[in-house]
Every structure is written in structure tokens, then in C-alpha cells.
Amino acid sequence: MKNEIVHIVNDCFSLQAKEDDFMKLLEEKINYLIINNFNKLIYLLYRADINETKLNKLLADNKKENAGKIIAALFVERQMQKIKSREENKMTDSDFEEEERW
């Protein structure tokens, strides 16, 4: 699953990170976007379906923490949820009755 997360993060944030350093690079990229292109960050978080209420609460409760680190962790958490959901809901051909197949 970690490889898939790294791939998703690299695609979303235009990174070329490897497994061992992708969180650090993601945090740096998010901090860069906070300062230099906040609209793009908002767009990426919206596309990833990050819960705005949860994000705002985490940022408010951890004002002294690195915002990039908080957002990166939330982004990765959401991607893991999506992957897990896809795996749980994956339908195979054997899930269909013969007459329901096309």
C-alpha cells in the first residue's frame, strides 16, 4: 500500500519522492504551496476530498506545529482510506451471476 501512496502523492504534488523520503518532501511541498500558491494547495486538498472541518480543527489544535506536516499526514491518511475503500468494494467477475454479466 505504501508504494501506491507514494505514487499518488508524487502525481498530485509533482514530486519524485521515494518511499524513504516522501513524507519529508511532501511536507516541504505543502509548506511551499502555503506560502507561494495557496490556491493550488486548496485545489489539491479539495480534489483529494480532505475533510475541511477536520483539517481546520487539527490546525487550530496544533498551532505551534508545522502546518505542512499536519496537512501531509491528513492527505496520506485520506489516500489510505480511499485505497482501503476501493479494495473492500472491488467487485470481481465471480461477484456477478452469469446472467448479470454483459
PDB file of N, CA and C in Angstrom:
ATOM      1  N   MET A   1       0.830  -1.198   0.000  1.00  0.00           N
ATOM      2  CA  MET A   1       0.000   0.000   0.000  1.00  0.00           C
ATOM      3  C   MET A   1       0.869   1.254   0.000  1.00  0.00           C
ATOM      4  N   LYS A   2       2.027   1.183   0.656  1.00  0.00           N
ATOM      5  CA  LYS A   2       2.877   2.365   0.742  1.00  0.00           C
ATOM      6  C   LYS A   2       3.347   2.815  -0.642  1.00  0.00           C
ATOM      7  N   ASN A   3       3.670   1.862  -1.518  1.00  0.00           N
ATOM      8  CA  ASN A   3       4.079   2.231  -2.879  1.00  0.00           C
ATOM      9  C   ASN A   3       2.979   2.999  -3.592  1.00  0.00           C
ATOM     10  N   GLU A   4       1.739   2.563  -3.393  1.00  0.00           N
ATOM     11  CA  GLU A   4       0.613   3.228  -4.028  1.00  0.00           C
ATOM     12  C   GLU A   4       0.440   4.646  -3.482  1.00  0.00           C
ATOM     13  N   ILE A   5       0.612   4.809  -2.187  1.00  0.00           N
ATOM     14  CA  ILE A   5       0.528   6.142  -1.574  1.00  0.00           C
ATOM     15  C   ILE A   5       1.601   7.053  -2.152  1.00  0.00           C
ATOM     16  N   VAL A   6       2.824   6.558  -2.220  1.00  0.00           N
ATOM     17  CA  VAL A   6       3.936   7.348  -2.759  1.00  0.00           C
ATOM     18  C   VAL A   6       3.624   7.760  -4.191  1.00  0.00           C
ATOM     19  N   HIS A   7       3.099   6.841  -4.970  1.00  0.00           N
ATOM     20  CA  HIS A   7       2.756   7.142  -6.368  1.00  0.00           C
ATOM     21  C   HIS A   7       1.684   8.231  -6.443  1.00  0.00           C
ATOM     22  N   ILE A   8       0.650   8.111  -5.616  1.00  0.00           N
ATOM     23  CA  ILE A   8      -0.429   9.106  -5.602  1.00  0.00           C
ATOM     24  C   ILE A   8       0.110  10.474  -5.198  1.00  0.00           C
ATOM     25  N   VAL A   9       0.913  10.515  -4.147  1.00  0.00           N
ATOM     26  CA  VAL A   9       1.493  11.775  -3.673  1.00  0.00           C
ATOM     27  C   VAL A   9       2.379  12.395  -4.742  1.00  0.00           C
ATOM     28  N   ASN A  10       3.225  11.587  -5.351  1.00  0.00           N
ATOM     29  CA  ASN A  10       4.096  12.097  -6.411  1.00  0.00           C
ATOM     30  C   ASN A  10       3.282  12.700  -7.546  1.00  0.00           C
ATOM     31  N   ASP A  11       2.206  12.028  -7.946  1.00  0.00           N
ATOM     32  CA  ASP A  11       1.371  12.543  -9.027  1.00  0.00           C
ATOM     33  C   ASP A  11       0.663  13.840  -8.640  1.00  0.00           C
ATOM     34  N   CYS A  12       0.073  13.867  -7.467  1.00  0.00           N
ATOM     35  CA  CYS A  12      -0.690  15.047  -7.041  1.00  0.00           C
ATOM     36  C   CYS A  12       0.178  16.284  -6.861  1.00  0.00           C
ATOM     37  N   PHE A  13       1.350  16.092  -6.291  1.00  0.00           N
ATOM     38  CA  PHE A  13       2.196  17.231  -5.932  1.00  0.00           C
ATOM     39  C   PHE A  13       3.421  17.395  -6.834  1.00  0.00           C
ATOM     40  N   SER A  14       3.444  16.683  -7.937  1.00  0.00           N
ATOM     41  CA  SER A  14       4.550  16.763  -8.898  1.00  0.00           C
ATOM     42  C   SER A  14       5.902  16.557  -8.218  1.00  0.00           C
ATOM     43  N   LEU A  15       5.977  15.499  -7.436  1.00  0.00           N
ATOM     44  CA  LEU A  15       7.215  15.148  -6.741  1.00  0.00           C
ATOM     45  C   LEU A  15       7.853  13.936  -7.401  1.00  0.00           C
ATOM     46  N   GLN A  16       9.092  13.695  -7.046  1.00  0.00           N
ATOM     47  CA  GLN A  16       9.785  12.484  -7.473  1.00  0.00           C
ATOM     48  C   GLN A  16      10.369  11.811  -6.248  1.00  0.00           C
ATOM     49  N   ALA A  17       9.550  11.687  -5.237  1.00  0.00           N
ATOM     50  CA  ALA A  17       9.995  11.153  -3.952  1.00  0.00           C
ATOM     51  C   ALA A  17      10.037   9.626  -3.985  1.00  0.00           C
ATOM     52  N   LYS A  18      10.895   9.092  -3.141  1.00  0.00           N
ATOM     53  CA  LYS A  18      10.964   7.657  -2.931  1.00  0.00           C
ATOM     54  C   LYS A  18      10.317   7.367  -1.582  1.00  0.00           C
ATOM     55  N   GLU A  19      10.085   6.090  -1.312  1.00  0.00           N
ATOM     56  CA  GLU A  19       9.381   5.715  -0.084  1.00  0.00           C
ATOM     57  C   GLU A  19      10.015   6.293   1.169  1.00  0.00           C
ATOM     58  N   ASP A  20      11.336   6.291   1.233  1.00  0.00           N
ATOM     59  CA  ASP A  20      12.007   6.691   2.472  1.00  0.00           C
ATOM     60  C   ASP A  20      11.971   8.190   2.735  1.00  0.00           C
ATOM     61  N   ASP A  21      11.723   8.995   1.719  1.00  0.00           N
ATOM     62  CA  ASP A  21      11.751  10.445   1.941  1.00  0.00           C
ATOM     63  C   ASP A  21      10.490  11.170   1.475  1.00  0.00           C
ATOM     64  N   PHE A  22       9.466  10.418   1.113  1.00  0.00           N
ATOM     65  CA  PHE A  22       8.320  11.102   0.517  1.00  0.00           C
ATOM     66  C   PHE A  22       7.562  11.982   1.512  1.00  0.00           C
ATOM     67  N   MET A  23       7.472  11.600   2.785  1.00  0.00           N
ATOM     68  CA  MET A  23       6.759  12.452   3.752  1.00  0.00           C
ATOM     69  C   MET A  23       7.481  13.785   3.941  1.00  0.00           C
ATOM     70  N   LYS A  24       8.786  13.743   4.030  1.00  0.00           N
ATOM     71  CA  LYS A  24       9.566  14.979   4.197  1.00  0.00           C
ATOM     72  C   LYS A  24       9.386  15.888   2.977  1.00  0.00           C
ATOM     73  N   LEU A  25       9.475  15.306   1.790  1.00  0.00           N
ATOM     74  CA  LEU A  25       9.307  16.106   0.574  1.00  0.00           C
ATOM     75  C   LEU A  25       7.874  16.619   0.435  1.00  0.00           C
ATOM     76  N   LEU A  26       6.910  15.812   0.836  1.00  0.00           N
ATOM     77  CA  LEU A  26       5.515  16.256   0.796  1.00  0.00           C
ATOM     78  C   LEU A  26       5.297  17.431   1.742  1.00  0.00           C
ATOM     79  N   GLU A  27       5.829  17.337   2.958  1.00  0.00           N
ATOM     80  CA  GLU A  27       5.713  18.439   3.920  1.00  0.00           C
ATOM     81  C   GLU A  27       6.323  19.715   3.351  1.00  0.00           C
ATOM     82  N   GLU A  28       7.514  19.592   2.753  1.00  0.00           N
ATOM     83  CA  GLU A  28       8.187  20.757   2.171  1.00  0.00           C
ATOM     84  C   GLU A  28       7.357  21.352   1.038  1.00  0.00           C
ATOM     85  N   LYS A  29       6.793  20.496   0.184  1.00  0.00           N
ATOM     86  CA  LYS A  29       5.987  20.979  -0.940  1.00  0.00           C
ATOM     87  C   LYS A  29       4.724  21.683  -0.434  1.00  0.00           C
ATOM     88  N   ILE A  30       4.102  21.126   0.574  1.00  0.00           N
ATOM     89  CA  ILE A  30       2.892  21.754   1.127  1.00  0.00           C
ATOM     90  C   ILE A  30       3.238  23.097   1.756  1.00  0.00           C
ATOM     91  N   ASN A  31       4.325  23.163   2.504  1.00  0.00           N
ATOM     92  CA  ASN A  31       4.746  24.450   3.079  1.00  0.00           C
ATOM     93  C   ASN A  31       5.052  25.464   1.988  1.00  0.00           C
ATOM     94  N   TYR A  32       5.672  25.005   0.902  1.00  0.00           N
ATOM     95  CA  TYR A  32       5.947  25.884  -0.238  1.00  0.00           C
ATOM     96  C   TYR A  32       4.623  26.422  -0.804  1.00  0.00           C
ATOM     97  N   LEU A  33       3.656  25.533  -0.974  1.00  0.00           N
ATOM     98  CA  LEU A  33       2.366  25.955  -1.530  1.00  0.00           C
ATOM     99  C   LEU A  33       1.624  26.898  -0.588  1.00  0.00           C
ATOM    100  N   ILE A  34       1.731  26.685   0.709  1.00  0.00           N
ATOM    101  CA  ILE A  34       1.091  27.582   1.678  1.00  0.00           C
ATOM    102  C   ILE A  34       1.584  29.008   1.465  1.00  0.00           C
ATOM    103  N   ILE A  35       2.873  29.149   1.236  1.00  0.00           N
ATOM    104  CA  ILE A  35       3.480  30.472   1.090  1.00  0.00           C
ATOM    105  C   ILE A  35       3.341  31.033  -0.324  1.00  0.00           C
ATOM    106  N   ASN A  36       3.523  30.179  -1.333  1.00  0.00           N
ATOM    107  CA  ASN A  36       3.644  30.666  -2.709  1.00  0.00           C
ATOM    108  C   ASN A  36       2.445  30.438  -3.625  1.00  0.00           C
ATOM    109  N   ASN A  37       1.607  29.463  -3.306  1.00  0.00           N
ATOM    110  CA  ASN A  37       0.477  29.183  -4.186  1.00  0.00           C
ATOM    111  C   ASN A  37      -0.643  28.510  -3.392  1.00  0.00           C
ATOM    112  N   PHE A  38      -1.211  29.270  -2.481  1.00  0.00           N
ATOM    113  CA  PHE A  38      -2.227  28.736  -1.583  1.00  0.00           C
ATOM    114  C   PHE A  38      -3.444  28.213  -2.336  1.00  0.00           C
ATOM    115  N   ASN A  39      -3.822  28.880  -3.419  1.00  0.00           N
ATOM    116  CA  ASN A  39      -4.968  28.429  -4.213  1.00  0.00           C
ATOM    117  C   ASN A  39      -4.745  27.034  -4.776  1.00  0.00           C
ATOM    118  N   LYS A  40      -3.544  26.749  -5.216  1.00  0.00           N
ATOM    119  CA  LYS A  40      -3.235  25.415  -5.737  1.00  0.00           C
ATOM    120  C   LYS A  40      -3.337  24.376  -4.620  1.00  0.00           C
ATOM    121  N   LEU A  41      -2.862  24.705  -3.438  1.00  0.00           N
ATOM    122  CA  LEU A  41      -2.962  23.787  -2.309  1.00  0.00           C
ATOM    123  C   LEU A  41      -4.425  23.492  -1.997  1.00  0.00           C
ATOM    124  N   ILE A  42      -5.239  24.522  -1.950  1.00  0.00           N
ATOM    125  CA  ILE A  42      -6.672  24.342  -1.680  1.00  0.00           C
ATOM    126  C   ILE A  42      -7.291  23.435  -2.750  1.00  0.00           C
ATOM    127  N   TYR A  43      -6.924  23.667  -3.994  1.00  0.00           N
ATOM    128  CA  TYR A  43      -7.426  22.836  -5.095  1.00  0.00           C
ATOM    129  C   TYR A  43      -7.029  21.369  -4.905  1.00  0.00           C
ATOM    130  N   LEU A  44      -5.767  21.122  -4.564  1.00  0.00           N
ATOM    131  CA  LEU A  44      -5.292  19.746  -4.373  1.00  0.00           C
ATOM    132  C   LEU A  44      -5.993  19.070  -3.195  1.00  0.00           C
ATOM    133  N   LEU A  45      -6.201  19.807  -2.129  1.00  0.00           N
ATOM    134  CA  LEU A  45      -6.893  19.244  -0.966  1.00  0.00           C
ATOM    135  C   LEU A  45      -8.355  18.966  -1.288  1.00  0.00           C
ATOM    136  N   TYR A  46      -8.963  19.834  -2.061  1.00  0.00           N
ATOM    137  CA  TYR A  46     -10.347  19.625  -2.482  1.00  0.00           C
ATOM    138  C   TYR A  46     -10.453  18.381  -3.365  1.00  0.00           C
ATOM    139  N   ARG A  47      -9.544  18.265  -4.323  1.00  0.00           N
ATOM    140  CA  ARG A  47      -9.544  17.105  -5.221  1.00  0.00           C
ATOM    141  C   ARG A  47      -9.312  15.801  -4.470  1.00  0.00           C
ATOM    142  N   ALA A  48      -8.526  15.861  -3.404  1.00  0.00           N
ATOM    143  CA  ALA A  48      -8.245  14.662  -2.608  1.00  0.00           C
ATOM    144  C   ALA A  48      -9.369  14.370  -1.620  1.00  0.00           C
ATOM    145  N   ASP A  49     -10.352  15.249  -1.559  1.00  0.00           N
ATOM    146  CA  ASP A  49     -11.504  15.092  -0.675  1.00  0.00           C
ATOM    147  C   ASP A  49     -11.097  15.108   0.799  1.00  0.00           C
ATOM    148  N   ILE A  50     -10.223  16.065   1.140  1.00  0.00           N
ATOM    149  CA  ILE A  50      -9.799  16.238   2.525  1.00  0.00           C
ATOM    150  C   ILE A  50     -10.926  16.939   3.286  1.00  0.00           C
ATOM    151  N   ASN A  51     -11.261  16.420   4.437  1.00  0.00           N
ATOM    152  CA  ASN A  51     -12.325  16.982   5.257  1.00  0.00           C
ATOM    153  C   ASN A  51     -11.876  18.342   5.800  1.00  0.00           C
ATOM    154  N   GLU A  52     -12.527  19.395   5.344  1.00  0.00           N
ATOM    155  CA  GLU A  52     -12.141  20.760   5.719  1.00  0.00           C
ATOM    156  C   GLU A  52     -12.301  21.008   7.212  1.00  0.00           C
ATOM    157  N   THR A  53     -13.376  20.500   7.785  1.00  0.00           N
ATOM    158  CA  THR A  53     -13.611  20.682   9.221  1.00  0.00           C
ATOM    159  C   THR A  53     -12.514  20.013  10.038  1.00  0.00           C
ATOM    160  N   LYS A  54     -12.178  18.802   9.665  1.00  0.00           N
ATOM    161  CA  LYS A  54     -11.120  18.071  10.363  1.00  0.00           C
ATOM    162  C   LYS A  54      -9.781  18.783  10.223  1.00  0.00           C
ATOM    163  N   LEU A  55      -9.472  19.256   9.026  1.00  0.00           N
ATOM    164  CA  LEU A  55      -8.228  19.987   8.786  1.00  0.00           C
ATOM    165  C   LEU A  55      -8.164  21.249   9.630  1.00  0.00           C
ATOM    166  N   ASN A  56      -9.226  22.032   9.630  1.00  0.00           N
ATOM    167  CA  ASN A  56      -9.244  23.267  10.413  1.00  0.00           C
ATOM    168  C   ASN A  56      -9.078  22.997  11.900  1.00  0.00           C
ATOM    169  N   LYS A  57      -9.724  21.931  12.394  1.00  0.00           N
ATOM    170  CA  LYS A  57      -9.606  21.583  13.803  1.00  0.00           C
ATOM    171  C   LYS A  57      -8.172  21.164  14.140  1.00  0.00           C
ATOM    172  N   LEU A  58      -7.585  20.342  13.300  1.00  0.00           N
ATOM    173  CA  LEU A  58      -6.195  19.912  13.537  1.00  0.00           C
ATOM    174  C   LEU A  58      -5.239  21.097  13.555  1.00  0.00           C
ATOM    175  N   LEU A  59      -5.409  22.010  12.617  1.00  0.00           N
ATOM    176  CA  LEU A  59      -4.536  23.185  12.558  1.00  0.00           C
ATOM    177  C   LEU A  59      -4.751  24.089  13.772  1.00  0.00           C
ATOM    178  N   ALA A  60      -6.000  24.258  14.189  1.00  0.00           N
ATOM    179  CA  ALA A  60      -6.302  25.102  15.358  1.00  0.00           C
ATOM    180  C   ALA A  60      -5.774  24.477  16.648  1.00  0.00           C
ATOM    181  N   ASP A  61      -5.892  23.164  16.765  1.00  0.00           N
ATOM    182  CA  ASP A  61      -5.449  22.476  17.978  1.00  0.00           C
ATOM    183  C   ASP A  61      -3.927  22.339  18.068  1.00  0.00           C
ATOM    184  N   ASN A  62      -3.240  22.531  16.951  1.00  0.00           N
ATOM    185  CA  ASN A  62      -1.790  22.341  16.906  1.00  0.00           C
ATOM    186  C   ASN A  62      -1.104  23.549  16.287  1.00  0.00           C
ATOM    187  N   LYS A  63      -1.411  24.725  16.816  1.00  0.00           N
ATOM    188  CA  LYS A  63      -0.916  25.978  16.236  1.00  0.00           C
ATOM    189  C   LYS A  63       0.607  26.082  16.197  1.00  0.00           C
ATOM    190  N   LYS A  64       1.285  25.411  17.108  1.00  0.00           N
ATOM    191  CA  LYS A  64       2.746  25.509  17.162  1.00  0.00           C
ATOM    192  C   LYS A  64       3.436  24.455  16.299  1.00  0.00           C
ATOM    193  N   GLU A  65       2.640  23.572  15.717  1.00  0.00           N
ATOM    194  CA  GLU A  65       3.199  22.514  14.868  1.00  0.00           C
ATOM    195  C   GLU A  65       3.366  23.014  13.433  1.00  0.00           C
ATOM    196  N   ASN A  66       4.173  22.299  12.683  1.00  0.00           N
ATOM    197  CA  ASN A  66       4.398  22.581  11.278  1.00  0.00           C
ATOM    198  C   ASN A  66       3.115  22.251  10.504  1.00  0.00           C
ATOM    199  N   ALA A  67       2.510  23.255   9.891  1.00  0.00           N
ATOM    200  CA  ALA A  67       1.253  23.056   9.157  1.00  0.00           C
ATOM    201  C   ALA A  67       1.447  22.082   8.006  1.00  0.00           C
ATOM    202  N   GLY A  68       2.586  22.135   7.351  1.00  0.00           N
ATOM    203  CA  GLY A  68       2.862  21.207   6.251  1.00  0.00           C
ATOM    204  C   GLY A  68       2.847  19.764   6.704  1.00  0.00           C
ATOM    205  N   LYS A  69       3.372  19.530   7.885  1.00  0.00           N
ATOM    206  CA  LYS A  69       3.398  18.169   8.438  1.00  0.00           C
ATOM    207  C   LYS A  69       1.983  17.690   8.751  1.00  0.00           C
ATOM    208  N   ILE A  70       1.167  18.553   9.326  1.00  0.00           N
ATOM    209  CA  ILE A  70      -0.210  18.205   9.670  1.00  0.00           C
ATOM    210  C   ILE A  70      -1.010  17.905   8.403  1.00  0.00           C
ATOM    211  N   ILE A  71      -0.891  18.768   7.418  1.00  0.00           N
ATOM    212  CA  ILE A  71      -1.637  18.596   6.169  1.00  0.00           C
ATOM    213  C   ILE A  71      -1.155  17.354   5.428  1.00  0.00           C
ATOM    214  N   ALA A  72       0.155  17.124   5.411  1.00  0.00           N
ATOM    215  CA  ALA A  72       0.706  15.941   4.744  1.00  0.00           C
ATOM    216  C   ALA A  72       0.172  14.663   5.370  1.00  0.00           C
ATOM    217  N   ALA A  73       0.148  14.615   6.692  1.00  0.00           N
ATOM    218  CA  ALA A  73      -0.356  13.426   7.389  1.00  0.00           C
ATOM    219  C   ALA A  73      -1.832  13.201   7.068  1.00  0.00           C
ATOM    220  N   LEU A  74      -2.605  14.270   7.039  1.00  0.00           N
ATOM    221  CA  LEU A  74      -4.024  14.159   6.729  1.00  0.00           C
ATOM    222  C   LEU A  74      -4.232  13.715   5.278  1.00  0.00           C
ATOM    223  N   PHE A  75      -3.418  14.238   4.386  1.00  0.00           N
ATOM    224  CA  PHE A  75      -3.505  13.859   2.969  1.00  0.00           C
ATOM    225  C   PHE A  75      -3.215  12.367   2.804  1.00  0.00           C
ATOM    226  N   VAL A  76      -2.144  11.890   3.427  1.00  0.00           N
ATOM    227  CA  VAL A  76      -1.776  10.476   3.330  1.00  0.00           C
ATOM    228  C   VAL A  76      -2.852   9.606   3.969  1.00  0.00           C
ATOM    229  N   GLU A  77      -3.363  10.030   5.109  1.00  0.00           N
ATOM    230  CA  GLU A  77      -4.433   9.284   5.781  1.00  0.00           C
ATOM    231  C   GLU A  77      -5.641   9.128   4.862  1.00  0.00           C
ATOM    232  N   ARG A  78      -6.014  10.206   4.184  1.00  0.00           N
ATOM    233  CA  ARG A  78      -7.174  10.167   3.276  1.00  0.00           C
ATOM    234  C   ARG A  78      -6.918   9.241   2.098  1.00  0.00           C
ATOM    235  N   GLN A  79      -5.703   9.269   1.566  1.00  0.00           N
ATOM    236  CA  GLN A  79      -5.380   8.390   0.445  1.00  0.00           C
ATOM    237  C   GLN A  79      -5.447   6.925   0.876  1.00  0.00           C
ATOM    238  N   MET A  80      -4.984   6.628   2.085  1.00  0.00           N
ATOM    239  CA  MET A  80      -5.048   5.264   2.599  1.00  0.00           C
ATOM    240  C   MET A  80      -6.500   4.826   2.753  1.00  0.00           C
ATOM    241  N   GLN A  81      -7.363   5.732   3.211  1.00  0.00           N
ATOM    242  CA  GLN A  81      -8.792   5.420   3.337  1.00  0.00           C
ATOM    243  C   GLN A  81      -9.388   5.092   1.974  1.00  0.00           C
ATOM    244  N   LYS A  82      -9.019   5.872   0.968  1.00  0.00           N
ATOM    245  CA  LYS A  82      -9.543   5.646  -0.379  1.00  0.00           C
ATOM    246  C   LYS A  82      -9.087   4.297  -0.928  1.00  0.00           C
ATOM    247  N   ILE A  83      -7.818   3.971  -0.723  1.00  0.00           N
ATOM    248  CA  ILE A  83      -7.285   2.695  -1.200  1.00  0.00           C
ATOM    249  C   ILE A  83      -7.994   1.538  -0.517  1.00  0.00           C
ATOM    250  N   LYS A  84      -8.143   1.640   0.787  1.00  0.00           N
ATOM    251  CA  LYS A  84      -8.814   0.591   1.554  1.00  0.00           C
ATOM    252  C   LYS A  84     -10.260   0.435   1.078  1.00  0.00           C
ATOM    253  N   SER A  85     -10.939   1.539   0.865  1.00  0.00           N
ATOM    254  CA  SER A  85     -12.317   1.500   0.407  1.00  0.00           C
ATOM    255  C   SER A  85     -12.427   0.848  -0.969  1.00  0.00           C
ATOM    256  N   ARG A  86     -11.520   1.202  -1.869  1.00  0.00           N
ATOM    257  CA  ARG A  86     -11.527   0.587  -3.201  1.00  0.00           C
ATOM    258  C   ARG A  86     -11.318  -0.922  -3.110  1.00  0.00           C
ATOM    259  N   GLU A  87     -10.393  -1.340  -2.252  1.00  0.00           N
ATOM    260  CA  GLU A  87     -10.128  -2.768  -2.099  1.00  0.00           C
ATOM    261  C   GLU A  87     -11.329  -3.500  -1.520  1.00  0.00           C
ATOM    262  N   GLU A  88     -11.984  -2.895  -0.546  1.00  0.00           N
ATOM    263  CA  GLU A  88     -13.149  -3.522   0.083  1.00  0.00           C
ATOM    264  C   GLU A  88     -14.332  -3.601  -0.868  1.00  0.00           C
ATOM    265  N   ASN A  89     -14.436  -2.650  -1.763  1.00  0.00           N
ATOM    266  CA  ASN A  89     -15.590  -2.593  -2.659  1.00  0.00           C
ATOM    267  C   ASN A  89     -15.305  -3.135  -4.052  1.00  0.00           C
ATOM    268  N   LYS A  90     -14.115  -3.654  -4.246  1.00  0.00           N
ATOM    269  CA  LYS A  90     -13.741  -4.179  -5.553  1.00  0.00           C
ATOM    270  C   LYS A  90     -14.623  -5.380  -5.870  1.00  0.00           C
ATOM    271  N   MET A  91     -15.192  -5.337  -7.034  1.00  0.00           N
ATOM    272  CA  MET A  91     -16.033  -6.449  -7.461  1.00  0.00           C
ATOM    273  C   MET A  91     -15.267  -7.261  -8.490  1.00  0.00           C
ATOM    274  N   THR A  92     -15.364  -8.535  -8.367  1.00  0.00           N
ATOM    275  CA  THR A  92     -14.743  -9.425  -9.345  1.00  0.00           C
ATOM    276  C   THR A  92     -15.825 -10.035 -10.209  1.00  0.00           C
ATOM    277  N   ASP A  93     -15.431 -10.674 -11.284  1.00  0.00           N
ATOM    278  CA  ASP A  93     -16.403 -11.321 -12.157  1.00  0.00           C
ATOM    279  C   ASP A  93     -17.216 -12.364 -11.408  1.00  0.00           C
ATOM    280  N   SER A  94     -16.620 -12.999 -10.423  1.00  0.00           N
ATOM    281  CA  SER A  94     -17.340 -14.031  -9.682  1.00  0.00           C
ATOM    282  C   SER A  94     -18.415 -13.443  -8.771  1.00  0.00           C
ATOM    283  N   ASP A  95     -18.406 -12.128  -8.574  1.00  0.00           N
ATOM    284  CA  ASP A  95     -19.433 -11.480  -7.755  1.00  0.00           C
ATOM    285  C   ASP A  95     -20.767 -11.353  -8.491  1.00  0.00           C
ATOM    286  N   PHE A  96     -20.743 -11.572  -9.799  1.00  0.00           N
ATOM    287  CA  PHE A  96     -21.952 -11.426 -10.603  1.00  0.00           C
ATOM    288  C   PHE A  96     -22.483 -12.799 -10.990  1.00  0.00           C
ATOM    289  N   GLU A  97     -23.777 -12.888 -11.026  1.00  0.00           N
ATOM    290  CA  GLU A  97     -24.401 -14.093 -11.554  1.00  0.00           C
ATOM    291  C   GLU A  97     -24.147 -14.122 -13.060  1.00  0.00           C
ATOM    292  N   GLU A  98     -24.159 -15.278 -13.626  1.00  0.00           N
ATOM    293  CA  GLU A  98     -23.874 -15.446 -15.046  1.00  0.00           C
ATOM    294  C   GLU A  98     -24.786 -14.572 -15.903  1.00  0.00           C
ATOM    295  N   GLU A  99     -26.072 -14.476 -15.572  1.00  0.00           N
ATOM    296  CA  GLU A  99     -26.999 -13.713 -16.408  1.00  0.00           C
ATOM    297  C   GLU A  99     -26.835 -12.204 -16.246  1.00  0.00           C
ATOM    298  N   GLU A 100     -26.152 -11.746 -15.163  1.00  0.00           N
ATOM    299  CA  GLU A 100     -25.926 -10.316 -14.956  1.00  0.00           C
ATOM    300  C   GLU A 100     -24.711  -9.806 -15.702  1.00  0.00           C
ATOM    301  N   ARG A 101     -23.885 -10.704 -16.174  1.00  0.00           N
ATOM    302  CA  ARG A 101     -22.692 -10.280 -16.921  1.00  0.00           C
ATOM    303  C   ARG A 101     -23.069  -9.772 -18.293  1.00  0.00           C
ATOM    304  N   TRP A 102     -22.293  -8.913 -18.803  1.00  0.00           N
ATOM    305  CA  TRP A 102     -22.551  -8.363 -20.130  1.00  0.00           C
ATOM    306  C   TRP A 102     -22.030  -9.298 -21.136  1.00  0.00           C
TER     307      TRP A 102
END
